[in-house]
């Protein structure tokens, strides 16, 4: 965890003649993000005074009590937020702390690769704004392993699986976008991926994307993803008497077969609940899984 703190003492309030003391911290679980990924930071505010503090948004100026200063190190420019942060009021009793987690990606254009700095700005009503020391984070590109186009109710969407190296580990991401209108619906991390391995990939008739990839020497991760990139389901399977794999039924439904569910029984077959199975019957269940995923 990456953390920086700023101790703010003896803040004089001319309105009610009390001293207020707060500590603020800006925390990042990670220092590296892939382009268009959610970039989440935690702002921690500790009230070390003997009075309750209320952090509220400024209705007259239509500004939030919390904001950030984000700068591009590569271009030496400040990233201007495109809208106010959606943060509710926060009351902090004496000697207690409260945390707020914010995904800054919708508010600050940090999509270009490079290095950035970020500072949290906490505005205490009537007592001024208090700024943390800067954190440094990086935005990288990754390499596309697979891509495909599909029509979703007449809209062309592009799906990509991206390998992204962070420190000494590689991660697999799914990205769903509409390049024609410059919209990225999602960029989601699916988990680690073993080097020099390729995932199994398949769409079902409902355009749910199914991905099976290696997360360890004997462990596979199965993920179902909807048309907008949201993760519907994940499950880890280990190699047992058989190796986990995906296959299609003649109706185009995707099955996960083989291996053993982590913490469960061996050789459990899964027909994803995210698919429409009303057309199946007992005879269909017995159809051999002869069609490979492509």
Protein backbone atom coordinates (compact mmCIF):
# COMPACT_ATOMS: atom_id res chain seq x y z
CA UNK A 1 0.00 0.00 0.00
CA UNK A 2 1.34 3.41 -0.99
CA UNK A 3 0.54 6.17 1.50
CA UNK A 4 1.41 9.77 2.30
CA UNK A 5 0.17 11.81 5.26
CA UNK A 6 -0.07 15.49 6.15
CA UNK A 7 -0.59 16.55 9.77
CA UNK A 8 -2.70 19.68 9.93
CA UNK A 9 -2.71 21.35 13.36
CA UNK A 10 -4.29 24.35 15.05
CA UNK A 11 -6.76 25.51 12.44
CA UNK A 12 -8.32 28.69 13.86
CA UNK A 13 -12.03 29.20 13.23
CA UNK A 14 -12.91 32.89 13.40
CA UNK A 15 -16.62 32.02 13.30
CA UNK A 16 -16.84 30.15 16.61
CA UNK A 17 -13.36 30.57 18.09
CA UNK A 18 -12.43 26.90 18.35
CA UNK A 19 -9.32 25.05 17.35
CA UNK A 20 -9.77 22.18 14.92
CA UNK A 21 -7.12 19.59 14.27
CA UNK A 22 -7.21 17.02 11.48
CA UNK A 23 -4.91 14.53 9.87
CA UNK A 24 -5.40 13.62 6.22
CA UNK A 25 -3.93 10.75 4.27
CA UNK A 26 -3.99 9.86 0.59
CA UNK A 27 -3.66 6.14 -0.02
CA UNK A 28 -3.22 4.13 -3.23
CA UNK A 29 -3.39 0.35 -3.33
CA UNK A 30 -1.37 0.42 -6.55
CA UNK A 31 1.05 2.71 -8.31
CA UNK A 32 0.42 1.47 -11.86
CA UNK A 33 -2.78 1.37 -13.91
CA UNK A 34 -3.60 0.38 -17.48
CA UNK A 35 -5.25 2.94 -19.76
CA UNK A 36 -8.99 3.48 -19.08
CA UNK A 37 -8.91 1.35 -15.94
CA UNK A 38 -10.57 2.53 -12.74
CA UNK A 39 -7.92 4.45 -10.77
CA UNK A 40 -9.07 4.27 -7.16
CA UNK A 41 -7.59 6.27 -4.30
CA UNK A 42 -8.57 6.44 -0.63
CA UNK A 43 -8.75 9.72 1.26
CA UNK A 44 -8.59 9.28 5.03
CA UNK A 45 -9.51 12.13 7.35
CA UNK A 46 -8.93 11.85 11.08
CA UNK A 47 -10.50 14.29 13.52
CA UNK A 48 -8.11 14.86 16.42
CA UNK A 49 -10.00 17.79 17.88
CA UNK A 50 -12.56 17.74 20.67
CA UNK A 51 -15.45 18.74 18.41
CA UNK A 52 -17.40 16.99 15.68
CA UNK A 53 -16.49 18.06 12.14
CA UNK A 54 -18.84 18.12 9.17
CA UNK A 55 -17.45 18.11 5.64
CA UNK A 56 -20.11 19.39 3.26
CA UNK A 57 -20.29 20.44 -0.36
CA UNK A 58 -20.56 24.13 -1.19
CA UNK A 59 -24.04 24.56 -2.67
CA UNK A 60 -23.53 28.17 -3.72
CA UNK A 61 -20.35 27.41 -5.66
CA UNK A 62 -21.55 23.90 -6.53
CA UNK A 63 -18.22 22.42 -5.48
CA UNK A 64 -17.38 19.32 -3.47
CA UNK A 65 -15.49 19.33 -0.16
CA UNK A 66 -13.11 16.84 -1.78
CA UNK A 67 -11.11 17.33 -4.95
CA UNK A 68 -7.73 16.39 -6.36
CA UNK A 69 -4.79 18.07 -8.00
CA UNK A 70 -3.62 15.81 -10.80
CA UNK A 71 -0.59 16.65 -12.91
CA UNK A 72 1.06 15.00 -15.90
CA UNK A 73 4.77 14.70 -15.18
CA UNK A 74 5.57 14.01 -18.84
CA UNK A 75 3.83 17.14 -20.12
CA UNK A 76 4.23 19.26 -16.97
CA UNK A 77 0.56 20.17 -17.12
CA UNK A 78 -2.34 20.13 -14.67
CA UNK A 79 -5.25 17.84 -15.52
CA UNK A 80 -8.47 19.85 -15.13
CA UNK A 81 -11.41 17.89 -13.78
CA UNK A 82 -14.30 17.59 -16.23
CA UNK A 83 -16.99 17.68 -13.53
CA UNK A 84 -17.40 17.90 -9.77
CA UNK A 85 -16.87 14.77 -7.71
CA UNK A 86 -20.00 13.02 -6.49
CA UNK A 87 -19.21 12.93 -2.78
CA UNK A 88 -21.75 13.18 0.01
CA UNK A 89 -21.39 15.01 3.30
CA UNK A 90 -19.09 13.39 5.86
CA UNK A 91 -19.41 13.83 9.63
CA UNK A 92 -16.40 12.85 11.74
CA UNK A 93 -16.82 12.60 15.52
CA UNK A 94 -13.92 13.60 17.77
CA UNK A 95 -10.90 11.23 17.75
CA UNK A 96 -12.34 9.19 14.88
CA UNK A 97 -11.39 8.65 11.23
CA UNK A 98 -13.45 8.29 8.06
CA UNK A 99 -12.34 7.05 4.64
CA UNK A 100 -13.68 7.85 1.19
CA UNK A 101 -12.69 5.79 -1.86
CA UNK A 102 -12.83 7.60 -5.19
CA UNK A 103 -12.30 6.38 -8.75
CA UNK A 104 -10.78 9.48 -10.34
CA UNK A 105 -10.97 8.19 -13.94
CA UNK A 106 -14.42 9.67 -14.73
CA UNK A 107 -13.34 13.07 -13.40
CA UNK A 108 -9.78 13.50 -14.66
CA UNK A 109 -8.48 12.62 -18.15
CA UNK A 110 -5.57 10.36 -17.22
CA UNK A 111 -5.85 8.17 -20.31
CA UNK A 112 -2.48 9.03 -21.86
CA UNK A 113 0.43 6.80 -20.91
CA UNK A 114 3.03 8.31 -18.62
CA UNK A 115 3.64 9.40 -15.05
CA UNK A 116 1.28 11.49 -12.95
CA UNK A 117 1.17 13.06 -9.49
CA UNK A 118 -1.96 13.41 -7.37
CA UNK A 119 -2.82 15.36 -4.23
CA UNK A 120 -6.05 15.28 -2.27
CA UNK A 121 -7.64 18.60 -1.37
CA UNK A 122 -9.98 18.57 1.64
CA UNK A 123 -12.00 21.73 2.23
CA UNK A 124 -13.22 22.28 5.77
CA UNK A 125 -16.16 24.70 5.58
CA UNK A 126 -15.14 28.08 6.89
CA UNK A 127 -11.64 26.92 7.71
CA UNK A 128 -9.87 26.63 4.37
CA UNK A 129 -8.54 23.87 2.15
CA UNK A 130 -5.87 21.37 3.18
CA UNK A 131 -3.69 19.57 0.67
CA UNK A 132 -1.75 16.33 1.06
CA UNK A 133 1.74 15.78 -0.29
CA UNK A 134 1.77 14.27 -3.80
CA UNK A 135 1.65 10.60 -4.70
CA UNK A 136 3.17 9.36 -7.95
CA UNK A 137 1.37 6.87 -10.20
CA UNK A 138 1.86 5.56 -13.72
CA UNK A 139 -0.49 4.74 -16.61
CA UNK A 140 0.62 2.09 -19.12
CA UNK A 141 -0.70 0.63 -22.36
CA UNK A 142 -0.36 -3.16 -22.33
CA UNK A 143 -0.35 -5.49 -25.35
CA UNK A 144 -3.45 -6.79 -27.11
CA UNK A 145 -3.61 -10.59 -27.16
CA UNK A 146 -6.98 -10.93 -28.89
CA UNK A 147 -9.70 -8.68 -30.30
CA UNK A 148 -13.09 -9.10 -31.94
CA UNK A 149 -16.06 -7.03 -33.13
CA UNK A 150 -19.69 -7.81 -32.43
CA UNK A 151 -22.99 -6.05 -33.15
CA UNK A 152 -25.05 -5.34 -30.04
CA UNK A 153 -28.52 -4.20 -31.14
CA UNK A 154 -27.00 -2.47 -34.16
CA UNK A 155 -24.07 -0.96 -32.25
CA UNK A 156 -20.60 -2.20 -33.15
CA UNK A 157 -18.56 -2.98 -30.07
CA UNK A 158 -14.90 -3.94 -29.93
CA UNK A 159 -13.70 -6.50 -27.40
CA UNK A 160 -10.02 -6.88 -26.49
CA UNK A 161 -8.02 -9.06 -24.13
CA UNK A 162 -4.91 -7.20 -23.01
CA UNK A 163 -1.82 -8.44 -21.22
CA UNK A 164 -0.41 -5.82 -18.85
CA UNK A 165 2.84 -6.09 -16.92
CA UNK A 166 2.89 -4.56 -13.45
CA UNK A 167 6.18 -4.89 -11.61
CA UNK A 168 7.10 -8.57 -12.06
CA UNK A 169 3.61 -9.95 -12.73
CA UNK A 170 1.44 -10.09 -15.84
CA UNK A 171 -2.32 -9.43 -15.66
CA UNK A 172 -5.12 -10.10 -18.11
CA UNK A 173 -7.68 -7.36 -18.83
CA UNK A 174 -10.90 -7.18 -20.83
CA UNK A 175 -11.76 -3.95 -22.62
CA UNK A 176 -15.08 -3.16 -24.31
CA UNK A 177 -15.34 0.00 -26.39
CA UNK A 178 -17.10 1.79 -29.23
CA UNK A 179 -14.30 3.48 -31.22
CA UNK A 180 -16.74 5.19 -33.60
CA UNK A 181 -18.10 7.34 -30.78
CA UNK A 182 -14.91 7.31 -28.69
CA UNK A 183 -16.49 5.49 -25.74
CA UNK A 184 -14.75 2.93 -23.52
CA UNK A 185 -17.38 0.98 -21.60
CA UNK A 186 -15.01 -0.93 -19.34
CA UNK A 187 -11.43 -2.00 -18.76
CA UNK A 188 -11.50 -4.75 -16.13
CA UNK A 189 -8.74 -6.85 -14.61
CA UNK A 190 -9.50 -10.58 -14.82
CA UNK A 191 -6.49 -11.71 -12.79
CA UNK A 192 -2.89 -12.75 -13.23
CA UNK A 193 -1.93 -14.72 -16.33
CA UNK A 194 0.92 -17.18 -16.70
CA UNK A 195 3.55 -16.10 -19.23
CA UNK A 196 3.51 -17.74 -22.67
CA UNK A 197 -0.06 -19.01 -22.26
CA UNK A 198 -3.11 -18.03 -24.31
CA UNK A 199 -6.69 -17.87 -23.01
CA UNK A 200 -9.65 -19.78 -24.40
CA UNK A 201 -12.32 -17.38 -25.67
CA UNK A 202 -15.91 -17.82 -26.81
CA UNK A 203 -19.11 -15.81 -27.32
CA UNK A 204 -22.47 -17.41 -26.62
CA UNK A 205 -25.71 -16.51 -28.49
CA UNK A 206 -26.47 -13.73 -25.98
CA UNK A 207 -23.08 -12.10 -26.69
CA UNK A 208 -21.82 -13.04 -23.25
CA UNK A 209 -18.05 -13.44 -23.54
CA UNK A 210 -16.47 -16.47 -21.85
CA UNK A 211 -12.75 -16.48 -21.03
CA UNK A 212 -10.65 -19.27 -19.51
CA UNK A 213 -7.03 -18.46 -18.69
CA UNK A 214 -4.20 -19.75 -16.52
CA UNK A 215 -3.57 -17.94 -13.25
CA UNK A 216 -1.07 -20.46 -11.90
CA UNK A 217 0.83 -23.61 -12.79
CA UNK A 218 -2.23 -25.80 -12.17
CA UNK A 219 -5.03 -23.26 -11.79
CA UNK A 220 -7.39 -21.78 -14.40
CA UNK A 221 -9.84 -18.89 -14.04
CA UNK A 222 -13.15 -18.85 -15.86
CA UNK A 223 -14.88 -15.47 -16.36
CA UNK A 224 -18.21 -14.47 -17.88
CA UNK A 225 -18.43 -10.89 -19.21
CA UNK A 226 -21.52 -9.04 -20.45
CA UNK A 227 -21.82 -6.88 -23.57
CA UNK A 228 -20.64 -3.76 -21.72
CA UNK A 229 -17.64 -5.37 -20.02
CA UNK A 230 -19.12 -6.06 -16.59
CA UNK A 231 -17.95 -9.27 -14.92
CA UNK A 232 -20.94 -11.54 -14.37
CA UNK A 233 -19.23 -14.57 -12.86
CA UNK A 234 -15.79 -15.92 -11.99
CA UNK A 235 -14.60 -19.33 -10.87
CA UNK A 236 -11.19 -20.90 -10.34
CA UNK A 237 -10.51 -24.52 -11.30
CA UNK A 238 -7.50 -26.73 -10.71
CA UNK A 239 -6.07 -29.50 -12.86
CA UNK A 240 -7.12 -32.83 -11.34
CA UNK A 241 -7.69 -35.99 -13.36
CA UNK A 242 -8.64 -33.69 -16.22
CA UNK A 243 -7.69 -30.22 -17.41
CA UNK A 244 -10.28 -27.41 -17.27
CA UNK A 245 -11.48 -26.35 -20.70
CA UNK A 246 -14.41 -24.73 -22.49
CA UNK A 247 -16.52 -26.23 -25.24
CA UNK A 248 -19.70 -25.37 -27.13
CA UNK A 249 -22.91 -27.27 -27.49
CA UNK A 250 -24.49 -27.50 -30.95
CA UNK A 251 -26.87 -24.76 -29.77
CA UNK A 252 -23.89 -22.43 -29.24
CA UNK A 253 -23.99 -22.49 -25.44
CA UNK A 254 -20.65 -22.50 -23.68
CA UNK A 255 -19.73 -25.14 -21.11
CA UNK A 256 -16.89 -25.26 -18.64
CA UNK A 257 -15.78 -28.85 -18.17
CA UNK A 258 -12.95 -30.72 -16.50
CA UNK A 259 -10.73 -29.96 -13.57
CA UNK A 260 -11.89 -29.47 -10.02
CA UNK A 261 -13.42 -26.37 -8.51
CA UNK A 262 -11.06 -24.85 -5.98
CA UNK A 263 -12.36 -25.99 -2.60
CA UNK A 264 -14.97 -28.24 -4.28
CA UNK A 265 -15.43 -31.54 -6.01
CA UNK A 266 -13.58 -32.80 -9.05
CA UNK A 267 -14.90 -32.80 -12.60
CA UNK A 268 -17.89 -30.55 -12.00
CA UNK A 269 -19.51 -29.46 -15.26
CA UNK A 270 -20.84 -25.92 -15.40
CA UNK A 271 -23.42 -24.51 -17.77
CA UNK A 272 -23.35 -20.84 -17.01
CA UNK A 273 -26.51 -19.45 -15.42
CA UNK A 274 -25.99 -16.32 -17.47
CA UNK A 275 -27.11 -18.16 -20.62
CA UNK A 276 -30.65 -18.92 -21.71
CA UNK A 277 -31.12 -22.64 -21.27
CA UNK A 278 -34.87 -22.92 -21.84
CA UNK A 279 -34.24 -24.77 -25.13
CA UNK A 280 -32.28 -27.59 -23.48
CA UNK A 281 -33.68 -30.93 -22.42
CA UNK A 282 -32.24 -34.13 -20.99
CA UNK A 283 -31.21 -35.39 -24.44
CA UNK A 284 -29.33 -32.16 -25.10
CA UNK A 285 -27.37 -32.62 -21.89
CA UNK A 286 -25.99 -35.89 -23.25
CA UNK A 287 -24.63 -34.35 -26.46
CA UNK A 288 -20.83 -34.85 -26.48
CA UNK A 289 -18.72 -31.71 -26.26
CA UNK A 290 -17.22 -32.18 -29.71
CA UNK A 291 -17.23 -28.56 -30.90
CA UNK A 292 -14.05 -26.70 -29.95
CA UNK A 293 -14.10 -23.09 -28.78
CA UNK A 294 -12.90 -20.71 -31.47
